[in-house]
Amino acid sequence: MKALFIGGTGTISSAITRQLAEGGCDLYLLNRGKSKEDLPEGVTLLQADINDEEHVAKLIVDHKFDVVADFIAFVPEQLERDYRLFNGKTKQFIFISSASAYQTPLSDYRISEGTPLSNPYWEYSRNKIACEEYLLKMYRDHGFPITIVRPSHTYDERSIPLGVHGSRGSWQVARRMLQNKPVIIHGDGTSLWTMTHNRDFAKGFIGLMGNIHAIGESVHITSDESVTWNQIYEIIADALGVKLNAIHVSSSFLAACSTEDYRGGLLGDKANTVVFDNSKLKRLVPNFVATTRLDQGIKETVAHILSHPELQTEDPEFDEWCDKVVKAIDNAVMSILT
């Protein structure tokens, strides 16, 4: 199989790249920031900015692909560019959308690919919906061979998956745990959430590549395991070898008092209970099963981060904001009790 990935080195795509390289796929990555030395053996780098359409067209002029996948498209204009570049040059075009595009709030906590797409809380999700609508039109009107993939919360060894964190990543929350400082959990922590290790996601994704039954289809790829946010934070604390000191704060309050996009990331996504029905994926990829249990995956991630100081990015602004939120909640309680 000859495949081209636009991106290919992020959280979701890096595991796919590794697994395909190990399997002998003729894989090309098109991106700006990686040197050949950073890539698995056998992967061909096409170093370019995908937004430089003329340059990219010249790079691929002599190529045709079995699969092209765009991991870094977020708005319809980027898909319009992809259509111009790859129409007639690939047997399958895979767009990475988002499970946050599903109906919010949900009318049923069980999510299938038939769940409506609607998210008034998050522009990111609405843009993904618009991208899907454009590609479906190209498929219906012109036969462009699309497959739409919707990841949910996918993680790897480089970042601890969390609900509430700052713009610099998750390490500061782990640091607060290690210092026995209160750690914020949105809501009461009892809503269900699904996290998927990127190596499990990769198995499902690779099974869709070159799959004639996936053309024209939308498919989400997630684990079947659902856990509460309280369990998630307890798992992280246990992996760090500390006792969790949790404080529960309304998602609406967090969204109102932060410059982070918690309206989108919480109210439009993580504050809602989600349980995914993966039966469609399993019909398309009969051998798919997510085998990394969350506690196992997080232990691996925490161990990796603790052994790699370069991943321990501190976020003093977020830390200070957490302290202010905790103090405000404590003061509110005392003002009622006294």
C-alpha atoms as a PDB file:
ATOM      1  CA  MET A   1       0.000   0.000   0.000  1.00  0.00           C
ATOM      2  CA  LYS A   2       1.211   3.469  -0.893  1.00  0.00           C
ATOM      3  CA  ALA A   3      -0.039   6.153   1.495  1.00  0.00           C
ATOM      4  CA  LEU A   4       0.476   9.860   2.122  1.00  0.00           C
ATOM      5  CA  PHE A   5      -0.116  11.470   5.502  1.00  0.00           C
ATOM      6  CA  ILE A   6      -0.481  15.230   5.800  1.00  0.00           C
ATOM      7  CA  GLY A   7       1.008  15.636   9.268  1.00  0.00           C
ATOM      8  CA  GLY A   8       1.766  12.190  10.608  1.00  0.00           C
ATOM      9  CA  THR A   9       3.762  13.059  13.738  1.00  0.00           C
ATOM     10  CA  GLY A  10       1.057  14.180  16.205  1.00  0.00           C
ATOM     11  CA  THR A  11      -0.560  12.325  19.094  1.00  0.00           C
ATOM     12  CA  ILE A  12      -3.057  10.491  16.914  1.00  0.00           C
ATOM     13  CA  SER A  13      -0.949   9.949  13.820  1.00  0.00           C
ATOM     14  CA  SER A  14       2.460   9.061  15.264  1.00  0.00           C
ATOM     15  CA  ALA A  15       1.406   5.565  16.333  1.00  0.00           C
ATOM     16  CA  ILE A  16      -0.195   4.943  12.931  1.00  0.00           C
ATOM     17  CA  THR A  17       3.034   6.028  11.245  1.00  0.00           C
ATOM     18  CA  ARG A  18       5.100   3.667  13.422  1.00  0.00           C
ATOM     19  CA  GLN A  19       2.816   0.677  12.904  1.00  0.00           C
ATOM     20  CA  LEU A  20       2.623   1.189   9.139  1.00  0.00           C
ATOM     21  CA  ALA A  21       6.401   1.551   8.903  1.00  0.00           C
ATOM     22  CA  GLU A  22       6.863  -1.691  10.833  1.00  0.00           C
ATOM     23  CA  GLY A  23       4.433  -3.385   8.443  1.00  0.00           C
ATOM     24  CA  GLY A  24       6.343  -2.304   5.349  1.00  0.00           C
ATOM     25  CA  CYS A  25       3.852   0.243   4.016  1.00  0.00           C
ATOM     26  CA  ASP A  26       5.184   2.618   1.342  1.00  0.00           C
ATOM     27  CA  LEU A  27       4.447   5.653   3.509  1.00  0.00           C
ATOM     28  CA  TYR A  28       5.048   9.332   2.740  1.00  0.00           C
ATOM     29  CA  LEU A  29       4.703  12.151   5.276  1.00  0.00           C
ATOM     30  CA  LEU A  30       4.105  15.697   4.130  1.00  0.00           C
ATOM     31  CA  ASN A  31       4.932  18.254   6.805  1.00  0.00           C
ATOM     32  CA  ARG A  32       7.190  21.184   7.615  1.00  0.00           C
ATOM     33  CA  GLY A  33       8.884  20.426  10.868  1.00  0.00           C
ATOM     34  CA  LYS A  34      10.423  16.957  10.853  1.00  0.00           C
ATOM     35  CA  SER A  35      13.756  15.820   9.504  1.00  0.00           C
ATOM     36  CA  LYS A  36      14.244  12.373   8.025  1.00  0.00           C
ATOM     37  CA  GLU A  37      16.234  11.356  11.100  1.00  0.00           C
ATOM     38  CA  ASP A  38      13.143  11.831  13.310  1.00  0.00           C
ATOM     39  CA  LEU A  39      11.027   9.392  11.304  1.00  0.00           C
ATOM     40  CA  PRO A  40      10.775   5.592  11.405  1.00  0.00           C
ATOM     41  CA  GLU A  41      12.936   3.724   8.934  1.00  0.00           C
ATOM     42  CA  GLY A  42      11.336   3.362   5.521  1.00  0.00           C
ATOM     43  CA  VAL A  43       9.162   6.486   5.742  1.00  0.00           C
ATOM     44  CA  THR A  44       9.654   9.073   2.982  1.00  0.00           C
ATOM     45  CA  LEU A  45       9.528  12.735   3.973  1.00  0.00           C
ATOM     46  CA  LEU A  46       8.048  15.325   1.641  1.00  0.00           C
ATOM     47  CA  GLN A  47       9.084  18.503   3.416  1.00  0.00           C
ATOM     48  CA  ALA A  48       6.645  21.272   2.548  1.00  0.00           C
ATOM     49  CA  ASP A  49       3.929  23.528   3.889  1.00  0.00           C
ATOM     50  CA  ILE A  50       0.607  21.996   2.804  1.00  0.00           C
ATOM     51  CA  ASN A  51      -0.728  25.560   2.466  1.00  0.00           C
ATOM     52  CA  ASP A  52       1.771  26.155  -0.351  1.00  0.00           C
ATOM     53  CA  GLU A  53      -0.502  24.433  -2.824  1.00  0.00           C
ATOM     54  CA  GLU A  54       1.630  25.082  -5.890  1.00  0.00           C
ATOM     55  CA  HIS A  55       4.743  23.610  -4.251  1.00  0.00           C
ATOM     56  CA  VAL A  56       2.873  20.539  -2.996  1.00  0.00           C
ATOM     57  CA  ALA A  57       1.334  19.956  -6.435  1.00  0.00           C
ATOM     58  CA  LYS A  58       4.835  19.820  -7.904  1.00  0.00           C
ATOM     59  CA  LEU A  59       6.033  17.397  -5.212  1.00  0.00           C
ATOM     60  CA  ILE A  60       3.234  14.908  -5.910  1.00  0.00           C
ATOM     61  CA  VAL A  61       2.955  15.357  -9.673  1.00  0.00           C
ATOM     62  CA  ASP A  62       4.412  11.926 -10.396  1.00  0.00           C
ATOM     63  CA  HIS A  63       2.649  10.143  -7.527  1.00  0.00           C
ATOM     64  CA  LYS A  64      -0.622   8.326  -7.107  1.00  0.00           C
ATOM     65  CA  PHE A  65      -1.656   6.953  -3.729  1.00  0.00           C
ATOM     66  CA  ASP A  66      -3.884   4.221  -2.376  1.00  0.00           C
ATOM     67  CA  VAL A  67      -4.641   6.408   0.651  1.00  0.00           C
ATOM     68  CA  VAL A  68      -4.210  10.083   1.511  1.00  0.00           C
ATOM     69  CA  ALA A  69      -5.019  11.151   5.086  1.00  0.00           C
ATOM     70  CA  ASP A  70      -5.130  14.732   6.363  1.00  0.00           C
ATOM     71  CA  PHE A  71      -4.539  14.942  10.124  1.00  0.00           C
ATOM     72  CA  ILE A  72      -4.270  18.736  10.309  1.00  0.00           C
ATOM     73  CA  ALA A  73      -7.323  20.097   8.469  1.00  0.00           C
ATOM     74  CA  PHE A  74      -9.688  22.112  10.639  1.00  0.00           C
ATOM     75  CA  VAL A  75     -11.727  24.334   8.301  1.00  0.00           C
ATOM     76  CA  PRO A  76     -13.473  23.667   4.963  1.00  0.00           C
ATOM     77  CA  GLU A  77     -11.038  25.824   2.979  1.00  0.00           C
ATOM     78  CA  GLN A  78      -8.281  23.352   3.822  1.00  0.00           C
ATOM     79  CA  LEU A  79     -10.380  20.480   2.494  1.00  0.00           C
ATOM     80  CA  GLU A  80     -11.135  22.448  -0.670  1.00  0.00           C
ATOM     81  CA  ARG A  81      -7.368  22.669  -1.175  1.00  0.00           C
ATOM     82  CA  ASP A  82      -7.011  18.931  -0.543  1.00  0.00           C
ATOM     83  CA  TYR A  83      -9.701  18.186  -3.111  1.00  0.00           C
ATOM     84  CA  ARG A  84      -7.860  20.215  -5.729  1.00  0.00           C
ATOM     85  CA  LEU A  85      -4.592  18.466  -4.911  1.00  0.00           C
ATOM     86  CA  PHE A  86      -5.736  14.861  -4.561  1.00  0.00           C
ATOM     87  CA  ASN A  87      -8.865  14.371  -6.636  1.00  0.00           C
ATOM     88  CA  GLY A  88      -7.875  11.696  -9.153  1.00  0.00           C
ATOM     89  CA  LYS A  89      -4.614  10.950  -7.295  1.00  0.00           C
ATOM     90  CA  THR A  90      -5.890   8.687  -4.496  1.00  0.00           C
ATOM     91  CA  LYS A  91      -8.249   5.737  -4.117  1.00  0.00           C
ATOM     92  CA  GLN A  92      -9.239   6.893  -0.616  1.00  0.00           C
ATOM     93  CA  PHE A  93      -9.089  10.228   1.183  1.00  0.00           C
ATOM     94  CA  ILE A  94      -9.364  10.030   4.977  1.00  0.00           C
ATOM     95  CA  PHE A  95     -10.331  13.125   6.966  1.00  0.00           C
ATOM     96  CA  ILE A  96      -9.737  13.193  10.719  1.00  0.00           C
ATOM     97  CA  SER A  97     -12.770  14.880  12.215  1.00  0.00           C
ATOM     98  CA  SER A  98     -13.724  14.810  15.915  1.00  0.00           C
ATOM     99  CA  ALA A  99     -16.208  13.028  18.167  1.00  0.00           C
ATOM    100  CA  SER A 100     -16.863  16.441  19.727  1.00  0.00           C
ATOM    101  CA  ALA A 101     -18.922  17.119  16.589  1.00  0.00           C
ATOM    102  CA  TYR A 102     -21.649  14.850  17.936  1.00  0.00           C
ATOM    103  CA  GLN A 103     -24.812  16.386  19.377  1.00  0.00           C
ATOM    104  CA  THR A 104     -24.152  18.504  22.478  1.00  0.00           C
ATOM    105  CA  PRO A 105     -25.928  18.141  24.820  1.00  0.00           C
ATOM    106  CA  LEU A 106     -26.680  14.556  23.901  1.00  0.00           C
ATOM    107  CA  SER A 107     -30.232  13.257  23.725  1.00  0.00           C
ATOM    108  CA  ASP A 108     -28.812   9.784  24.458  1.00  0.00           C
ATOM    109  CA  TYR A 109     -25.484   9.172  26.191  1.00  0.00           C
ATOM    110  CA  ARG A 110     -24.783   6.238  23.855  1.00  0.00           C
ATOM    111  CA  ILE A 111     -23.083   7.583  20.749  1.00  0.00           C
ATOM    112  CA  SER A 112     -23.201   5.899  17.371  1.00  0.00           C
ATOM    113  CA  GLU A 113     -22.338   7.246  13.949  1.00  0.00           C
ATOM    114  CA  GLY A 114     -26.069   7.950  13.573  1.00  0.00           C
ATOM    115  CA  THR A 115     -25.993  10.466  16.427  1.00  0.00           C
ATOM    116  CA  PRO A 116     -26.706  13.956  15.009  1.00  0.00           C
ATOM    117  CA  LEU A 117     -23.829  16.411  14.569  1.00  0.00           C
ATOM    118  CA  SER A 118     -24.366  19.654  16.492  1.00  0.00           C
ATOM    119  CA  ASN A 119     -22.229  21.575  18.956  1.00  0.00           C
ATOM    120  CA  PRO A 120     -23.288  25.157  19.755  1.00  0.00           C
ATOM    121  CA  TYR A 121     -20.582  25.447  22.441  1.00  0.00           C
ATOM    122  CA  TRP A 122     -17.396  24.917  20.418  1.00  0.00           C
ATOM    123  CA  GLU A 123     -16.340  26.564  17.171  1.00  0.00           C
ATOM    124  CA  TYR A 124     -13.695  23.876  16.662  1.00  0.00           C
ATOM    125  CA  SER A 125     -16.433  21.233  16.487  1.00  0.00           C
ATOM    126  CA  ARG A 126     -18.651  23.311  14.217  1.00  0.00           C
ATOM    127  CA  ASN A 127     -15.730  23.731  11.823  1.00  0.00           C
ATOM    128  CA  LYS A 128     -15.193  19.967  11.783  1.00  0.00           C
ATOM    129  CA  ILE A 129     -18.882  19.491  10.975  1.00  0.00           C
ATOM    130  CA  ALA A 130     -18.574  21.962   8.099  1.00  0.00           C
ATOM    131  CA  CYS A 131     -15.538  20.027   6.829  1.00  0.00           C
ATOM    132  CA  GLU A 132     -17.516  16.794   6.886  1.00  0.00           C
ATOM    133  CA  GLU A 133     -20.410  18.402   5.026  1.00  0.00           C
ATOM    134  CA  TYR A 134     -18.064  19.651   2.299  1.00  0.00           C
ATOM    135  CA  LEU A 135     -16.449  16.244   1.824  1.00  0.00           C
ATOM    136  CA  LEU A 136     -19.789  14.452   1.713  1.00  0.00           C
ATOM    137  CA  LYS A 137     -20.865  16.817  -1.037  1.00  0.00           C
ATOM    138  CA  MET A 138     -17.686  16.055  -2.996  1.00  0.00           C
ATOM    139  CA  TYR A 139     -18.349  12.335  -2.539  1.00  0.00           C
ATOM    140  CA  ARG A 140     -21.982  12.548  -3.626  1.00  0.00           C
ATOM    141  CA  ASP A 141     -21.501  14.990  -6.477  1.00  0.00           C
ATOM    142  CA  HIS A 142     -18.101  13.952  -7.825  1.00  0.00           C
ATOM    143  CA  GLY A 143     -17.306  10.510  -6.436  1.00  0.00           C
ATOM    144  CA  PHE A 144     -14.374  11.732  -4.323  1.00  0.00           C
ATOM    145  CA  PRO A 145     -13.572   8.561  -2.290  1.00  0.00           C
ATOM    146  CA  ILE A 146     -13.767   9.831   1.290  1.00  0.00           C
ATOM    147  CA  THR A 147     -13.720   8.196   4.706  1.00  0.00           C
ATOM    148  CA  ILE A 148     -14.401  10.331   7.783  1.00  0.00           C
ATOM    149  CA  VAL A 149     -12.790   9.264  11.058  1.00  0.00           C
ATOM    150  CA  ARG A 150     -13.898  10.736  14.393  1.00  0.00           C
ATOM    151  CA  PRO A 151     -11.425  10.331  17.265  1.00  0.00           C
ATOM    152  CA  SER A 152     -12.409  11.097  20.819  1.00  0.00           C
ATOM    153  CA  HIS A 153      -9.892  11.720  23.634  1.00  0.00           C
ATOM    154  CA  THR A 154      -6.726  10.001  22.367  1.00  0.00           C
ATOM    155  CA  TYR A 155      -3.444  10.073  24.292  1.00  0.00           C
ATOM    156  CA  ASP A 156       0.139   8.832  24.069  1.00  0.00           C
ATOM    157  CA  GLU A 157       3.240   8.658  26.245  1.00  0.00           C
ATOM    158  CA  ARG A 158       3.979  12.383  26.007  1.00  0.00           C
ATOM    159  CA  SER A 159       0.998  13.910  27.816  1.00  0.00           C
ATOM    160  CA  ILE A 160      -1.271  12.827  30.685  1.00  0.00           C
ATOM    161  CA  PRO A 161      -4.926  12.950  29.547  1.00  0.00           C
ATOM    162  CA  LEU A 162      -6.931  15.357  31.719  1.00  0.00           C
ATOM    163  CA  GLY A 163     -10.123  17.341  31.871  1.00  0.00           C
ATOM    164  CA  VAL A 164      -8.841  20.657  33.241  1.00  0.00           C
ATOM    165  CA  HIS A 165      -5.366  21.931  32.431  1.00  0.00           C
ATOM    166  CA  GLY A 166      -3.640  25.045  31.144  1.00  0.00           C
ATOM    167  CA  SER A 167      -2.334  25.993  27.738  1.00  0.00           C
ATOM    168  CA  ARG A 168       1.087  24.419  28.381  1.00  0.00           C
ATOM    169  CA  GLY A 169      -0.138  20.875  28.836  1.00  0.00           C
ATOM    170  CA  SER A 170      -0.858  18.526  31.700  1.00  0.00           C
ATOM    171  CA  TRP A 171       2.362  18.444  33.708  1.00  0.00           C
ATOM    172  CA  GLN A 172       1.339  21.225  36.102  1.00  0.00           C
ATOM    173  CA  VAL A 173      -1.633  19.148  37.289  1.00  0.00           C
ATOM    174  CA  ALA A 174       0.680  16.207  37.986  1.00  0.00           C
ATOM    175  CA  ARG A 175       2.996  18.593  39.831  1.00  0.00           C
ATOM    176  CA  ARG A 176       0.115  19.794  41.978  1.00  0.00           C
ATOM    177  CA  MET A 177      -0.648  16.169  42.833  1.00  0.00           C
ATOM    178  CA  LEU A 178       2.974  15.577  43.809  1.00  0.00           C
ATOM    179  CA  GLN A 179       2.835  18.669  46.044  1.00  0.00           C
ATOM    180  CA  ASN A 180      -0.480  17.550  47.612  1.00  0.00           C
ATOM    181  CA  LYS A 181      -2.185  20.706  46.354  1.00  0.00           C
ATOM    182  CA  PRO A 182      -5.901  20.610  45.506  1.00  0.00           C
ATOM    183  CA  VAL A 183      -6.552  19.434  41.975  1.00  0.00           C
ATOM    184  CA  ILE A 184      -9.646  20.657  40.133  1.00  0.00           C
ATOM    185  CA  ILE A 185     -12.082  18.098  38.723  1.00  0.00           C
ATOM    186  CA  HIS A 186     -14.902  19.567  36.669  1.00  0.00           C
ATOM    187  CA  GLY A 187     -18.453  18.907  37.837  1.00  0.00           C
ATOM    188  CA  ASP A 188     -18.858  16.230  40.496  1.00  0.00           C
ATOM    189  CA  GLY A 189     -16.526  13.869  38.651  1.00  0.00           C
ATOM    190  CA  THR A 190     -19.159  11.196  38.073  1.00  0.00           C
ATOM    191  CA  SER A 191     -19.798  11.710  34.343  1.00  0.00           C
ATOM    192  CA  LEU A 192     -18.449   8.945  32.117  1.00  0.00           C
ATOM    193  CA  TRP A 193     -15.613   9.528  29.688  1.00  0.00           C
ATOM    194  CA  THR A 194     -13.698   7.463  27.137  1.00  0.00           C
ATOM    195  CA  MET A 195      -9.949   7.661  26.559  1.00  0.00           C
ATOM    196  CA  THR A 196      -8.113   5.742  23.866  1.00  0.00           C
ATOM    197  CA  HIS A 197      -4.401   5.023  23.656  1.00  0.00           C
ATOM    198  CA  ASN A 198      -2.986   6.058  20.287  1.00  0.00           C
ATOM    199  CA  ARG A 199      -1.637   2.573  19.537  1.00  0.00           C
ATOM    200  CA  ASP A 200      -5.186   1.205  19.846  1.00  0.00           C
ATOM    201  CA  PHE A 201      -6.528   4.003  17.676  1.00  0.00           C
ATOM    202  CA  ALA A 202      -3.870   3.124  15.104  1.00  0.00           C
ATOM    203  CA  LYS A 203      -5.143  -0.462  14.824  1.00  0.00           C
ATOM    204  CA  GLY A 204      -8.628   0.729  13.931  1.00  0.00           C
ATOM    205  CA  PHE A 205      -7.363   3.404  11.553  1.00  0.00           C
ATOM    206  CA  ILE A 206      -5.070   1.038   9.657  1.00  0.00           C
ATOM    207  CA  GLY A 207      -7.968  -1.391   9.293  1.00  0.00           C
ATOM    208  CA  LEU A 208      -9.934   1.342   7.488  1.00  0.00           C
ATOM    209  CA  MET A 209      -7.096   2.139   5.092  1.00  0.00           C
ATOM    210  CA  GLY A 210      -7.697   0.626   1.671  1.00  0.00           C
ATOM    211  CA  ASN A 211     -10.988  -0.794   2.943  1.00  0.00           C
ATOM    212  CA  ILE A 212     -13.556  -0.585   0.132  1.00  0.00           C
ATOM    213  CA  HIS A 213     -16.396  -0.835   2.648  1.00  0.00           C
ATOM    214  CA  ALA A 214     -15.218   2.365   4.373  1.00  0.00           C
ATOM    215  CA  ILE A 215     -15.624   4.596   1.310  1.00  0.00           C
ATOM    216  CA  GLY A 216     -18.347   7.178   1.891  1.00  0.00           C
ATOM    217  CA  GLU A 217     -18.588   6.218   5.568  1.00  0.00           C
ATOM    218  CA  SER A 218     -18.071   8.062   8.866  1.00  0.00           C
ATOM    219  CA  VAL A 219     -16.561   6.010  11.685  1.00  0.00           C
ATOM    220  CA  HIS A 220     -15.410   6.786  15.201  1.00  0.00           C
ATOM    221  CA  ILE A 221     -12.479   4.918  16.742  1.00  0.00           C
ATOM    222  CA  THR A 222     -12.427   4.652  20.533  1.00  0.00           C
ATOM    223  CA  SER A 223     -11.909   2.221  23.348  1.00  0.00           C
ATOM    224  CA  ASP A 224     -14.941   0.379  24.734  1.00  0.00           C
ATOM    225  CA  GLU A 225     -13.868   1.304  28.276  1.00  0.00           C
ATOM    226  CA  SER A 226     -15.831   4.047  30.040  1.00  0.00           C
ATOM    227  CA  VAL A 227     -14.619   5.552  33.320  1.00  0.00           C
ATOM    228  CA  THR A 228     -15.622   8.489  35.494  1.00  0.00           C
ATOM    229  CA  TRP A 229     -13.457  11.577  35.823  1.00  0.00           C
ATOM    230  CA  ASN A 230     -13.013  10.740  39.516  1.00  0.00           C
ATOM    231  CA  GLN A 231     -11.562   7.373  38.467  1.00  0.00           C
ATOM    232  CA  ILE A 232      -9.320   9.028  35.873  1.00  0.00           C
ATOM    233  CA  TYR A 233      -7.781  11.394  38.403  1.00  0.00           C
ATOM    234  CA  GLU A 234      -7.423   8.607  40.977  1.00  0.00           C
ATOM    235  CA  ILE A 235      -5.574   6.525  38.359  1.00  0.00           C
ATOM    236  CA  ILE A 236      -3.186   9.417  37.671  1.00  0.00           C
ATOM    237  CA  ALA A 237      -2.530   9.998  41.379  1.00  0.00           C
ATOM    238  CA  ASP A 238      -1.930   6.284  41.911  1.00  0.00           C
ATOM    239  CA  ALA A 239       0.545   6.222  39.017  1.00  0.00           C
ATOM    240  CA  LEU A 240       2.367   9.133  40.656  1.00  0.00           C
ATOM    241  CA  GLY A 241       2.345   7.314  44.008  1.00  0.00           C
ATOM    242  CA  VAL A 242       0.371   9.998  45.860  1.00  0.00           C
ATOM    243  CA  LYS A 243      -3.062  10.466  47.407  1.00  0.00           C
ATOM    244  CA  LEU A 244      -5.447  12.573  45.365  1.00  0.00           C
ATOM    245  CA  ASN A 245      -6.521  15.878  46.907  1.00  0.00           C
ATOM    246  CA  ALA A 246      -9.503  16.722  44.697  1.00  0.00           C
ATOM    247  CA  ILE A 247     -11.837  19.692  44.611  1.00  0.00           C
ATOM    248  CA  HIS A 248     -14.942  19.568  42.443  1.00  0.00           C
ATOM    249  CA  VAL A 249     -15.934  22.732  40.625  1.00  0.00           C
ATOM    250  CA  SER A 250     -18.867  23.426  38.299  1.00  0.00           C
ATOM    251  CA  SER A 251     -17.891  23.365  34.631  1.00  0.00           C
ATOM    252  CA  SER A 252     -19.937  26.530  34.074  1.00  0.00           C
ATOM    253  CA  PHE A 253     -17.987  28.282  36.838  1.00  0.00           C
ATOM    254  CA  LEU A 254     -14.666  27.208  35.318  1.00  0.00           C
ATOM    255  CA  ALA A 255     -15.742  28.411  31.880  1.00  0.00           C
ATOM    256  CA  ALA A 256     -16.851  31.768  33.311  1.00  0.00           C
ATOM    257  CA  CYS A 257     -13.650  32.532  35.193  1.00  0.00           C
ATOM    258  CA  SER A 258     -10.929  31.338  32.805  1.00  0.00           C
ATOM    259  CA  THR A 259      -9.353  32.616  29.607  1.00  0.00           C
ATOM    260  CA  GLU A 260      -8.954  28.987  28.489  1.00  0.00           C
ATOM    261  CA  ASP A 261     -11.681  27.723  26.162  1.00  0.00           C
ATOM    262  CA  TYR A 262     -13.473  25.714  28.825  1.00  0.00           C
ATOM    263  CA  ARG A 263     -16.816  26.633  27.248  1.00  0.00           C
ATOM    264  CA  GLY A 264     -15.758  24.548  24.264  1.00  0.00           C
ATOM    265  CA  GLY A 265     -13.505  21.993  25.923  1.00  0.00           C
ATOM    266  CA  LEU A 266     -15.755  21.336  28.920  1.00  0.00           C
ATOM    267  CA  LEU A 267     -19.336  22.445  28.210  1.00  0.00           C
ATOM    268  CA  GLY A 268     -18.988  21.397  24.577  1.00  0.00           C
ATOM    269  CA  ASP A 269     -17.115  18.171  25.267  1.00  0.00           C
ATOM    270  CA  LYS A 270     -15.690  16.761  28.501  1.00  0.00           C
ATOM    271  CA  ALA A 271     -18.483  17.759  30.897  1.00  0.00           C
ATOM    272  CA  ASN A 272     -20.850  15.390  29.104  1.00  0.00           C
ATOM    273  CA  THR A 273     -21.169  11.664  29.673  1.00  0.00           C
ATOM    274  CA  VAL A 274     -20.176   9.786  26.526  1.00  0.00           C
ATOM    275  CA  VAL A 275     -20.281   6.063  25.826  1.00  0.00           C
ATOM    276  CA  PHE A 276     -19.342   5.013  22.301  1.00  0.00           C
ATOM    277  CA  ASP A 277     -20.937   2.243  20.291  1.00  0.00           C
ATOM    278  CA  ASN A 278     -18.070   0.828  18.220  1.00  0.00           C
ATOM    279  CA  SER A 279     -20.111  -1.819  16.413  1.00  0.00           C
ATOM    280  CA  LYS A 280     -19.748  -0.074  13.035  1.00  0.00           C
ATOM    281  CA  LEU A 281     -15.950  -0.002  13.337  1.00  0.00           C
ATOM    282  CA  LYS A 282     -15.942  -3.670  14.312  1.00  0.00           C
ATOM    283  CA  ARG A 283     -18.021  -4.569  11.262  1.00  0.00           C
ATOM    284  CA  LEU A 284     -15.546  -2.745   9.035  1.00  0.00           C
ATOM    285  CA  VAL A 285     -12.457  -3.978  10.922  1.00  0.00           C
ATOM    286  CA  PRO A 286     -13.480  -7.342  12.435  1.00  0.00           C
ATOM    287  CA  ASN A 287     -10.236  -7.837  14.373  1.00  0.00           C
ATOM    288  CA  PHE A 288     -10.311  -4.434  16.064  1.00  0.00           C
ATOM    289  CA  VAL A 289     -10.158  -4.391  19.839  1.00  0.00           C
ATOM    290  CA  ALA A 290      -8.656  -1.747  22.115  1.00  0.00           C
ATOM    291  CA  THR A 291      -6.329  -3.660  24.422  1.00  0.00           C
ATOM    292  CA  THR A 292      -4.756  -0.883  26.523  1.00  0.00           C
ATOM    293  CA  ARG A 293      -6.764  -0.472  29.721  1.00  0.00           C
ATOM    294  CA  LEU A 294      -6.722   3.127  30.940  1.00  0.00           C
ATOM    295  CA  ASP A 295      -4.878   2.457  34.200  1.00  0.00           C
ATOM    296  CA  GLN A 296      -2.192   0.575  32.276  1.00  0.00           C
ATOM    297  CA  GLY A 297      -1.823   3.288  29.650  1.00  0.00           C
ATOM    298  CA  ILE A 298      -1.648   6.124  32.167  1.00  0.00           C
ATOM    299  CA  LYS A 299       0.982   4.296  34.214  1.00  0.00           C
ATOM    300  CA  GLU A 300       3.104   4.015  31.060  1.00  0.00           C
ATOM    301  CA  THR A 301       2.562   7.696  30.280  1.00  0.00           C
ATOM    302  CA  VAL A 302       3.401   8.884  33.792  1.00  0.00           C
ATOM    303  CA  ALA A 303       6.543   6.726  33.910  1.00  0.00           C
ATOM    304  CA  HIS A 304       7.652   8.097  30.533  1.00  0.00           C
ATOM    305  CA  ILE A 305       7.107  11.722  31.539  1.00  0.00           C
ATOM    306  CA  LEU A 306       8.868  11.286  34.887  1.00  0.00           C
ATOM    307  CA  SER A 307      11.893   9.872  33.059  1.00  0.00           C
ATOM    308  CA  HIS A 308      11.909  12.673  30.451  1.00  0.00           C
ATOM    309  CA  PRO A 309      12.360  16.075  32.155  1.00  0.00           C
ATOM    310  CA  GLU A 310      11.922  17.863  28.801  1.00  0.00           C
ATOM    311  CA  LEU A 311       8.228  16.862  28.939  1.00  0.00           C
ATOM    312  CA  GLN A 312       7.752  18.433  32.374  1.00  0.00           C
ATOM    313  CA  THR A 313       6.663  21.881  31.206  1.00  0.00           C
ATOM    314  CA  GLU A 314       5.639  24.061  34.135  1.00  0.00           C
ATOM    315  CA  ASP A 315       2.693  26.432  33.896  1.00  0.00           C
ATOM    316  CA  PRO A 316       2.829  28.958  36.760  1.00  0.00           C
ATOM    317  CA  GLU A 317      -0.098  30.994  35.399  1.00  0.00           C
ATOM    318  CA  PHE A 318      -2.357  27.936  35.450  1.00  0.00           C
ATOM    319  CA  ASP A 319      -1.080  26.983  38.900  1.00  0.00           C
ATOM    320  CA  GLU A 320      -1.932  30.447  40.243  1.00  0.00           C
ATOM    321  CA  TRP A 321      -5.367  30.301  38.608  1.00  0.00           C
ATOM    322  CA  CYS A 322      -6.054  26.936  40.283  1.00  0.00           C
ATOM    323  CA  ASP A 323      -5.149  28.425  43.666  1.00  0.00           C
ATOM    324  CA  LYS A 324      -7.551  31.321  43.055  1.00  0.00           C
ATOM    325  CA  VAL A 325     -10.389  28.978  42.110  1.00  0.00           C
ATOM    326  CA  VAL A 326      -9.791  26.815  45.185  1.00  0.00           C
ATOM    327  CA  LYS A 327      -9.742  29.904  47.425  1.00  0.00           C
ATOM    328  CA  ALA A 328     -12.952  31.235  45.853  1.00  0.00           C
ATOM    329  CA  ILE A 329     -14.741  27.922  46.491  1.00  0.00           C
ATOM    330  CA  ASP A 330     -13.479  27.788  50.096  1.00  0.00           C
ATOM    331  CA  ASN A 331     -14.558  31.390  50.692  1.00  0.00           C
ATOM    332  CA  ALA A 332     -17.996  30.704  49.227  1.00  0.00           C
ATOM    333  CA  VAL A 333     -18.475  27.760  51.594  1.00  0.00           C
ATOM    334  CA  MET A 334     -17.351  29.784  54.620  1.00  0.00           C
ATOM    335  CA  SER A 335     -19.589  32.733  53.720  1.00  0.00           C
ATOM    336  CA  ILE A 336     -22.631  30.457  53.880  1.00  0.00           C
ATOM    337  CA  LEU A 337     -21.612  28.597  57.030  1.00  0.00           C
ATOM    338  CA  THR A 338     -20.712  31.682  59.066  1.00  0.00           C
END
